[in-house]
């Protein structure tokens, strides 16, 4: 599938995130990076992408010639419909969310912390339209994955010991996918599952405020963390 050229950091996150979408899932993709994930899925992927404005079965972002004013995602992008898709009132859509019918949700983040708290809607002093549907998605989705660059544009960590910004929802994040690592939130802390091939474990920890847990494979301390491109 052809897709727009994007920065290397963005491509790495989206390619890895696409691997999380399995057959049969109902998926919601939040504003920002998550809405770009369909561009990285095969044409025959067997899952249903849900949009809270009332679509089940979204396809990739529409090209200009395909755009229809009535078909948009949570970010306001014009989207396409896949075969078998359906459209309905937003009240029905939010009923699906509140009843726990979303198997997997992917959201962006300003901050996420070692307890799985998520802050993705408000930076003090900057205009924000409100917390939106992310509050309910973060609480009700069966599984929540955060997609984010590992550091902000100033090089500051976005994975913290404790979020400082207003929370979207507490203790809700299951997995974090960044351009540097795949990290699971566990009762014992942040467990590193995968590291990007150009990053060392020491560099990853230096780029992270919270303490990371690295699995070991033998008594010499060799890390068993998988690598991804």
Protein backbone atom coordinates (compact mmCIF):
# COMPACT_ATOMS: atom_id res chain seq x y z
CA UNK A 1 0.00 0.00 0.00
CA UNK A 2 1.38 3.41 -0.94
CA UNK A 3 1.57 5.93 1.90
CA UNK A 4 2.84 9.48 2.41
CA UNK A 5 6.49 9.97 3.26
CA UNK A 6 6.82 10.60 7.00
CA UNK A 7 9.68 11.21 9.47
CA UNK A 8 11.64 8.11 10.46
CA UNK A 9 10.48 8.34 14.09
CA UNK A 10 6.85 8.42 12.99
CA UNK A 11 7.25 5.57 10.51
CA UNK A 12 8.84 3.36 13.15
CA UNK A 13 5.98 3.89 15.60
CA UNK A 14 3.27 3.30 13.00
CA UNK A 15 4.87 0.19 11.50
CA UNK A 16 5.21 -1.37 14.95
CA UNK A 17 1.71 -0.30 16.01
CA UNK A 18 0.18 -1.97 12.94
CA UNK A 19 1.47 -5.32 14.22
CA UNK A 20 -0.87 -5.03 17.22
CA UNK A 21 -4.00 -5.21 15.06
CA UNK A 22 -5.19 -8.80 14.96
CA UNK A 23 -8.03 -10.51 13.12
CA UNK A 24 -11.51 -9.98 14.54
CA UNK A 25 -10.78 -6.99 16.78
CA UNK A 26 -12.92 -3.87 17.10
CA UNK A 27 -10.42 -1.00 17.28
CA UNK A 28 -10.62 2.71 18.03
CA UNK A 29 -7.81 4.98 16.85
CA UNK A 30 -7.41 8.33 18.62
CA UNK A 31 -6.37 11.74 17.33
CA UNK A 32 -2.77 12.12 16.15
CA UNK A 33 -0.49 9.18 15.36
CA UNK A 34 -3.16 6.49 15.84
CA UNK A 35 -5.34 7.78 12.98
CA UNK A 36 -2.43 7.10 10.60
CA UNK A 37 -2.14 3.39 11.48
CA UNK A 38 -4.56 2.20 8.73
CA UNK A 39 -2.04 3.38 6.11
CA UNK A 40 0.27 0.62 7.40
CA UNK A 41 -2.22 -2.24 7.32
CA UNK A 42 -2.64 -4.67 4.40
CA UNK A 43 -5.66 -4.10 2.18
CA UNK A 44 -7.24 -7.37 3.39
CA UNK A 45 -6.84 -6.82 7.15
CA UNK A 46 -9.65 -8.52 9.04
CA UNK A 47 -10.55 -6.07 11.82
CA UNK A 48 -13.11 -3.29 12.30
CA UNK A 49 -11.94 0.26 12.98
CA UNK A 50 -14.43 2.24 15.03
CA UNK A 51 -14.80 6.03 15.03
CA UNK A 52 -16.75 7.61 17.88
CA UNK A 53 -18.58 9.95 15.53
CA UNK A 54 -20.46 6.89 14.24
CA UNK A 55 -18.54 4.58 11.89
CA UNK A 56 -17.61 0.92 12.23
CA UNK A 57 -15.37 -0.26 9.42
CA UNK A 58 -13.21 2.78 8.61
CA UNK A 59 -10.56 2.45 5.93
CA UNK A 60 -7.48 4.63 5.35
CA UNK A 61 -7.61 8.41 5.16
CA UNK A 62 -9.32 9.42 1.91
CA UNK A 63 -7.48 10.97 -1.00
CA UNK A 64 -8.88 14.29 -2.23
CA UNK A 65 -10.96 12.65 -4.97
CA UNK A 66 -12.48 10.18 -2.48
CA UNK A 67 -13.34 12.69 0.28
CA UNK A 68 -16.95 12.82 1.47
CA UNK A 69 -17.94 15.52 3.93
CA UNK A 70 -20.06 13.12 5.98
CA UNK A 71 -17.26 10.61 6.56
CA UNK A 72 -14.66 11.80 9.06
CA UNK A 73 -12.67 10.27 11.91
CA UNK A 74 -12.05 11.63 15.41
CA UNK A 75 -9.30 13.92 14.11
CA UNK A 76 -11.50 15.40 11.37
CA UNK A 77 -9.75 13.50 8.55
CA UNK A 78 -11.88 12.39 5.64
CA UNK A 79 -11.90 8.60 5.72
CA UNK A 80 -12.89 5.75 3.44
CA UNK A 81 -15.29 2.90 4.21
CA UNK A 82 -14.36 -0.75 3.94
CA UNK A 83 -16.69 -3.44 2.62
CA UNK A 84 -19.28 -4.32 5.28
CA UNK A 85 -18.92 -1.05 7.18
CA UNK A 86 -21.82 0.67 8.93
CA UNK A 87 -22.69 4.21 10.02
CA UNK A 88 -24.84 5.23 12.98
CA UNK A 89 -25.61 7.99 15.46
CA UNK A 90 -22.82 9.12 17.78
CA UNK A 91 -24.96 8.17 20.80
CA UNK A 92 -24.88 4.55 19.58
CA UNK A 93 -21.14 4.87 19.04
CA UNK A 94 -20.55 6.05 22.61
CA UNK A 95 -22.83 3.31 23.91
CA UNK A 96 -20.45 0.82 22.30
CA UNK A 97 -17.55 2.45 24.13
CA UNK A 98 -19.34 2.62 27.50
CA UNK A 99 -20.44 -1.02 27.29
CA UNK A 100 -16.83 -2.12 26.77
CA UNK A 101 -17.27 -3.22 23.15
CA UNK A 102 -13.93 -1.80 22.01
CA UNK A 103 -11.27 -4.53 22.06
CA UNK A 104 -8.30 -2.26 21.45
CA UNK A 105 -7.80 1.49 21.59
CA UNK A 106 -4.70 3.40 20.50
CA UNK A 107 -4.21 6.93 21.82
CA UNK A 108 -1.49 9.55 21.60
CA UNK A 109 0.06 11.05 24.73
CA UNK A 110 1.74 14.14 26.11
CA UNK A 111 2.76 12.10 29.16
CA UNK A 112 2.37 8.55 30.45
CA UNK A 113 3.77 7.24 33.71
CA UNK A 114 4.95 4.05 35.39
CA UNK A 115 1.50 3.40 36.92
CA UNK A 116 -0.21 3.55 33.53
CA UNK A 117 -1.71 7.00 34.08
CA UNK A 118 -2.34 8.91 30.84
CA UNK A 119 -2.26 12.65 30.10
CA UNK A 120 -3.13 13.48 26.50
CA UNK A 121 -5.62 16.32 26.40
CA UNK A 122 -4.45 19.47 28.19
CA UNK A 123 -1.26 21.53 28.44
CA UNK A 124 -1.76 24.35 30.96
CA UNK A 125 -1.79 27.76 29.31
CA UNK A 126 -2.68 26.38 25.87
CA UNK A 127 -6.10 26.28 24.26
CA UNK A 128 -7.84 22.91 24.39
CA UNK A 129 -11.37 22.14 23.17
CA UNK A 130 -11.87 19.70 26.05
CA UNK A 131 -11.07 16.17 27.12
CA UNK A 132 -13.35 14.61 24.50
CA UNK A 133 -14.00 10.90 23.97
CA UNK A 134 -10.50 9.90 25.05
CA UNK A 135 -11.63 9.97 28.69
CA UNK A 136 -14.19 7.21 28.11
CA UNK A 137 -12.07 5.23 25.68
CA UNK A 138 -9.17 5.15 28.15
CA UNK A 139 -11.45 3.80 30.88
CA UNK A 140 -13.61 1.39 28.91
CA UNK A 141 -11.48 -0.14 26.12
CA UNK A 142 -10.40 -3.70 26.92
CA UNK A 143 -6.81 -2.86 26.00
CA UNK A 144 -5.16 0.56 25.65
CA UNK A 145 -1.92 1.18 23.76
CA UNK A 146 -0.22 4.58 23.77
CA UNK A 147 1.62 5.69 20.60
CA UNK A 148 4.13 8.47 21.19
CA UNK A 149 7.62 9.67 20.47
CA UNK A 150 9.85 8.70 23.39
CA UNK A 151 10.90 12.30 24.02
CA UNK A 152 9.31 15.63 23.15
CA UNK A 153 10.69 18.13 20.61
CA UNK A 154 13.05 19.49 23.28
CA UNK A 155 14.42 16.02 24.09
CA UNK A 156 12.57 15.73 27.41
CA UNK A 157 11.21 12.33 28.46
CA UNK A 158 7.50 11.68 27.98
CA UNK A 159 7.51 8.48 30.05
CA UNK A 160 7.58 9.71 33.64
CA UNK A 161 7.54 8.50 37.22
CA UNK A 162 4.28 10.41 37.64
CA UNK A 163 2.28 12.50 35.16
CA UNK A 164 2.38 16.25 35.79
CA UNK A 165 -0.30 17.29 33.31
CA UNK A 166 -4.05 16.86 33.94
CA UNK A 167 -4.97 13.19 33.53
CA UNK A 168 -7.17 11.77 30.81
CA UNK A 169 -7.69 8.66 32.94
CA UNK A 170 -5.80 6.90 35.76
CA UNK A 171 -4.16 3.46 35.59
CA UNK A 172 -5.45 2.71 32.09
CA UNK A 173 -2.44 2.08 29.83
CA UNK A 174 -1.41 -1.50 28.99
CA UNK A 175 1.38 -0.91 26.47
CA UNK A 176 3.49 2.01 25.22
CA UNK A 177 4.92 2.01 21.68
CA UNK A 178 7.51 4.70 20.92
CA UNK A 179 10.19 5.22 18.30
CA UNK A 180 12.66 3.69 20.80
CA UNK A 181 10.86 0.83 22.52
CA UNK A 182 7.80 -1.28 23.23
CA UNK A 183 7.06 -1.17 26.97
CA UNK A 184 4.36 -2.92 28.99
CA UNK A 185 2.84 -1.45 32.15
CA UNK A 186 2.92 -4.20 34.80
CA UNK A 187 2.22 -4.34 38.56
CA UNK A 188 6.00 -4.35 39.07
CA UNK A 189 6.70 -1.37 36.80
CA UNK A 190 7.56 -0.69 33.18
CA UNK A 191 8.77 -3.86 31.45
CA UNK A 192 10.71 -3.36 28.22
CA UNK A 193 9.60 -5.89 25.60
CA UNK A 194 11.40 -4.53 22.52
CA UNK A 195 14.04 -1.89 21.75
CA UNK A 196 14.64 -0.17 18.40
CA UNK A 197 17.68 -1.56 16.66
CA UNK A 198 19.70 1.67 16.91
CA UNK A 199 19.13 2.21 20.66
CA UNK A 200 21.02 0.64 23.57
CA UNK A 201 19.38 -0.27 26.86
CA UNK A 202 21.45 2.42 28.60
CA UNK A 203 20.34 5.08 26.10
CA UNK A 204 16.73 4.03 26.49
CA UNK A 205 16.89 4.43 30.27
CA UNK A 206 18.60 7.83 29.88
CA UNK A 207 15.69 8.95 27.69
CA UNK A 208 13.12 7.76 30.27
CA UNK A 209 12.38 9.39 33.63
CA UNK A 210 10.73 6.29 35.14
CA UNK A 211 12.83 3.24 35.98
CA UNK A 212 12.66 0.50 33.35
CA UNK A 213 12.73 -3.25 33.88
CA UNK A 214 14.82 -5.22 31.39
CA UNK A 215 14.28 -9.00 31.19
CA UNK A 216 17.35 -11.22 31.56
CA UNK A 217 18.06 -14.45 29.72
CA UNK A 218 21.03 -15.81 31.63
CA UNK A 219 23.22 -15.37 34.69
CA UNK A 220 25.66 -13.10 32.83
CA UNK A 221 22.95 -10.43 32.60
CA UNK A 222 22.56 -10.54 28.82
CA UNK A 223 19.35 -8.78 27.91
CA UNK A 224 16.61 -10.85 26.27
CA UNK A 225 14.82 -7.83 24.79
CA UNK A 226 13.78 -8.20 21.17
CA UNK A 227 14.77 -5.66 18.53
CA UNK A 228 12.54 -3.91 16.00
CA UNK A 229 13.30 -1.69 13.02
